[in-house]
Amino acid sequence: MEMDHRPWGWYKVLLDTPDYKVKEILVKPNSRLSYQFHHKRSEHWYIVQGEATVTLDDKNIVIKKGEYIDIPALSKHRIANNSKEDVIFIETQTGEYFGEDDIVRVEDDYGRSNNTDLN
């Protein structure tokens, strides 16, 4: 499995089927993904290492190893790692389409615009 590197860390696709997609995602210390939403998919995030702050529709929620959160389609969301150790989570996507061009960025720390790079 090939890692796809991003400014905030990396991800790798573990499973890609017509009905769902599963990724392992690492977020480096003091990094966060863009604040975004998707039209055609929901996501389930399960933390396997570390502690993260998830922003879901402008509400901050801290989740730790062994905990999870569900992200409905059209909900604005982001995950941030404010700690000194890596955060790793498993993302399961369900819905009708899993392409990277179904990312609508609301805010991005790295100057990326909509539909150009993952998260």
C-alpha atoms as a PDB file:
ATOM      1  CA  MET A   1       0.000   0.000   0.000  1.00  0.00           C
ATOM      2  CA  GLU A   2       1.386   3.322  -1.051  1.00  0.00           C
ATOM      3  CA  MET A   3       1.276   6.332   1.260  1.00  0.00           C
ATOM      4  CA  ASP A   4      -0.041   9.561  -0.189  1.00  0.00           C
ATOM      5  CA  HIS A   5       1.822  12.373   1.601  1.00  0.00           C
ATOM      6  CA  ARG A   6       0.099  15.649   2.504  1.00  0.00           C
ATOM      7  CA  PRO A   7       1.237  18.772   4.416  1.00  0.00           C
ATOM      8  CA  TRP A   8      -0.529  17.473   7.558  1.00  0.00           C
ATOM      9  CA  GLY A   9       0.722  13.846   7.360  1.00  0.00           C
ATOM     10  CA  TRP A  10      -0.286  10.958   5.069  1.00  0.00           C
ATOM     11  CA  TYR A  11      -2.988   8.502   4.164  1.00  0.00           C
ATOM     12  CA  LYS A  12      -3.162   5.124   2.501  1.00  0.00           C
ATOM     13  CA  VAL A  13      -6.160   3.371   1.020  1.00  0.00           C
ATOM     14  CA  LEU A  14      -6.663   0.010   2.704  1.00  0.00           C
ATOM     15  CA  LEU A  15      -9.741  -1.055   0.757  1.00  0.00           C
ATOM     16  CA  ASP A  16     -11.590   0.465  -2.199  1.00  0.00           C
ATOM     17  CA  THR A  17     -14.880  -1.091  -3.300  1.00  0.00           C
ATOM     18  CA  PRO A  18     -17.911   0.248  -5.205  1.00  0.00           C
ATOM     19  CA  ASP A  19     -19.854   0.457  -1.894  1.00  0.00           C
ATOM     20  CA  TYR A  20     -17.238   1.781   0.571  1.00  0.00           C
ATOM     21  CA  LYS A  21     -13.622   2.910   0.951  1.00  0.00           C
ATOM     22  CA  VAL A  22     -11.319   2.474   3.970  1.00  0.00           C
ATOM     23  CA  LYS A  23      -8.229   4.600   4.674  1.00  0.00           C
ATOM     24  CA  GLU A  24      -5.562   4.760   7.367  1.00  0.00           C
ATOM     25  CA  ILE A  25      -4.749   8.416   8.061  1.00  0.00           C
ATOM     26  CA  LEU A  26      -1.899   9.907  10.098  1.00  0.00           C
ATOM     27  CA  VAL A  27      -2.004  13.519  11.315  1.00  0.00           C
ATOM     28  CA  LYS A  28       1.317  14.960  12.481  1.00  0.00           C
ATOM     29  CA  PRO A  29       1.612  16.908  15.753  1.00  0.00           C
ATOM     30  CA  ASN A  30       0.254  20.470  15.586  1.00  0.00           C
ATOM     31  CA  SER A  31      -1.370  19.819  12.202  1.00  0.00           C
ATOM     32  CA  ARG A  32      -4.929  19.644  10.933  1.00  0.00           C
ATOM     33  CA  LEU A  33      -6.850  18.799   7.802  1.00  0.00           C
ATOM     34  CA  SER A  34      -8.924  21.368   5.946  1.00  0.00           C
ATOM     35  CA  TYR A  35     -12.405  22.267   7.174  1.00  0.00           C
ATOM     36  CA  GLN A  36     -14.528  20.607   4.509  1.00  0.00           C
ATOM     37  CA  PHE A  37     -17.657  18.722   3.560  1.00  0.00           C
ATOM     38  CA  HIS A  38     -18.739  16.135   1.005  1.00  0.00           C
ATOM     39  CA  HIS A  39     -21.905  15.929  -1.075  1.00  0.00           C
ATOM     40  CA  LYS A  40     -21.900  12.202  -1.801  1.00  0.00           C
ATOM     41  CA  ARG A  41     -20.358  10.409   1.166  1.00  0.00           C
ATOM     42  CA  SER A  42     -20.447   9.990   4.934  1.00  0.00           C
ATOM     43  CA  GLU A  43     -17.404   9.095   7.017  1.00  0.00           C
ATOM     44  CA  HIS A  44     -16.763   7.113  10.194  1.00  0.00           C
ATOM     45  CA  TRP A  45     -13.501   7.942  12.012  1.00  0.00           C
ATOM     46  CA  TYR A  46     -12.057   5.489  14.561  1.00  0.00           C
ATOM     47  CA  ILE A  47      -8.995   6.681  16.512  1.00  0.00           C
ATOM     48  CA  VAL A  48      -6.310   3.989  16.855  1.00  0.00           C
ATOM     49  CA  GLN A  49      -3.503   6.194  18.248  1.00  0.00           C
ATOM     50  CA  GLY A  50      -3.418   9.497  20.088  1.00  0.00           C
ATOM     51  CA  GLU A  51      -6.002  12.148  20.877  1.00  0.00           C
ATOM     52  CA  ALA A  52      -7.621  14.432  18.316  1.00  0.00           C
ATOM     53  CA  THR A  53      -9.959  17.395  18.232  1.00  0.00           C
ATOM     54  CA  VAL A  54     -12.701  16.983  15.669  1.00  0.00           C
ATOM     55  CA  THR A  55     -14.637  20.030  14.528  1.00  0.00           C
ATOM     56  CA  LEU A  56     -18.090  18.953  13.358  1.00  0.00           C
ATOM     57  CA  ASP A  57     -20.390  21.742  12.145  1.00  0.00           C
ATOM     58  CA  ASP A  58     -18.482  24.325  14.232  1.00  0.00           C
ATOM     59  CA  LYS A  59     -18.517  22.226  17.447  1.00  0.00           C
ATOM     60  CA  ASN A  60     -15.204  20.899  18.842  1.00  0.00           C
ATOM     61  CA  ILE A  61     -15.187  17.317  20.146  1.00  0.00           C
ATOM     62  CA  VAL A  62     -12.131  15.578  21.662  1.00  0.00           C
ATOM     63  CA  ILE A  63     -11.823  11.892  20.795  1.00  0.00           C
ATOM     64  CA  LYS A  64      -9.151   9.481  22.008  1.00  0.00           C
ATOM     65  CA  LYS A  65      -7.769   6.062  21.115  1.00  0.00           C
ATOM     66  CA  GLY A  66     -10.637   3.572  20.970  1.00  0.00           C
ATOM     67  CA  GLU A  67     -13.296   6.230  20.324  1.00  0.00           C
ATOM     68  CA  TYR A  68     -15.066   7.175  17.095  1.00  0.00           C
ATOM     69  CA  ILE A  69     -17.223   9.809  15.464  1.00  0.00           C
ATOM     70  CA  ASP A  70     -19.608   9.705  12.523  1.00  0.00           C
ATOM     71  CA  ILE A  71     -19.517  12.493   9.921  1.00  0.00           C
ATOM     72  CA  PRO A  72     -22.783  12.753   7.940  1.00  0.00           C
ATOM     73  CA  ALA A  73     -22.719  13.885   4.305  1.00  0.00           C
ATOM     74  CA  LEU A  74     -22.892  17.702   3.991  1.00  0.00           C
ATOM     75  CA  SER A  75     -21.574  18.205   7.557  1.00  0.00           C
ATOM     76  CA  LYS A  76     -18.551  20.496   7.808  1.00  0.00           C
ATOM     77  CA  HIS A  77     -15.680  18.676   9.496  1.00  0.00           C
ATOM     78  CA  ARG A  78     -11.964  18.619  10.251  1.00  0.00           C
ATOM     79  CA  ILE A  79      -9.591  16.723  12.514  1.00  0.00           C
ATOM     80  CA  ALA A  80      -6.725  18.410  14.361  1.00  0.00           C
ATOM     81  CA  ASN A  81      -3.776  17.020  16.280  1.00  0.00           C
ATOM     82  CA  ASN A  82      -2.822  19.473  19.030  1.00  0.00           C
ATOM     83  CA  SER A  83      -0.521  17.012  20.803  1.00  0.00           C
ATOM     84  CA  LYS A  84       3.143  16.065  20.520  1.00  0.00           C
ATOM     85  CA  GLU A  85       2.499  12.551  19.149  1.00  0.00           C
ATOM     86  CA  ASP A  86       1.029  11.355  15.865  1.00  0.00           C
ATOM     87  CA  VAL A  87      -2.703  10.737  15.618  1.00  0.00           C
ATOM     88  CA  ILE A  88      -3.740   7.750  13.506  1.00  0.00           C
ATOM     89  CA  PHE A  89      -7.319   6.972  12.591  1.00  0.00           C
ATOM     90  CA  ILE A  90      -9.232   4.653  10.301  1.00  0.00           C
ATOM     91  CA  GLU A  91     -11.707   6.355   7.998  1.00  0.00           C
ATOM     92  CA  THR A  92     -14.565   4.356   6.500  1.00  0.00           C
ATOM     93  CA  GLN A  93     -16.423   6.159   3.715  1.00  0.00           C
ATOM     94  CA  THR A  94     -19.935   5.128   2.679  1.00  0.00           C
ATOM     95  CA  GLY A  95     -22.239   6.671   0.116  1.00  0.00           C
ATOM     96  CA  GLU A  96     -22.563   6.869  -3.637  1.00  0.00           C
ATOM     97  CA  TYR A  97     -19.152   8.307  -4.641  1.00  0.00           C
ATOM     98  CA  PHE A  98     -15.672   8.325  -3.044  1.00  0.00           C
ATOM     99  CA  GLY A  99     -13.594  10.459  -5.419  1.00  0.00           C
ATOM    100  CA  GLU A 100     -11.265  13.137  -4.093  1.00  0.00           C
ATOM    101  CA  ASP A 101     -13.142  15.711  -6.192  1.00  0.00           C
ATOM    102  CA  ASP A 102     -16.067  15.481  -3.724  1.00  0.00           C
ATOM    103  CA  ILE A 103     -14.164  17.677  -1.257  1.00  0.00           C
ATOM    104  CA  VAL A 104     -15.520  21.171  -0.713  1.00  0.00           C
ATOM    105  CA  ARG A 105     -13.053  23.177   1.386  1.00  0.00           C
ATOM    106  CA  VAL A 106     -14.423  25.833   3.723  1.00  0.00           C
ATOM    107  CA  GLU A 107     -10.988  26.688   5.198  1.00  0.00           C
ATOM    108  CA  ASP A 108      -7.446  25.387   4.622  1.00  0.00           C
ATOM    109  CA  ASP A 109      -4.178  26.083   6.473  1.00  0.00           C
ATOM    110  CA  TYR A 110      -2.081  25.220   3.412  1.00  0.00           C
ATOM    111  CA  GLY A 111      -3.647  27.517   0.805  1.00  0.00           C
ATOM    112  CA  ARG A 112      -5.297  24.723  -1.169  1.00  0.00           C
ATOM    113  CA  SER A 113      -8.516  25.415  -3.017  1.00  0.00           C
ATOM    114  CA  ASN A 114     -11.497  23.114  -3.496  1.00  0.00           C
ATOM    115  CA  ASN A 115     -11.153  19.735  -5.183  1.00  0.00           C
ATOM    116  CA  THR A 116      -7.369  19.661  -5.628  1.00  0.00           C
ATOM    117  CA  ASP A 117      -5.938  17.454  -2.876  1.00  0.00           C
ATOM    118  CA  LEU A 118      -7.270  15.193  -0.170  1.00  0.00           C
ATOM    119  CA  ASN A 119      -8.277  16.877   3.076  1.00  0.00           C
END
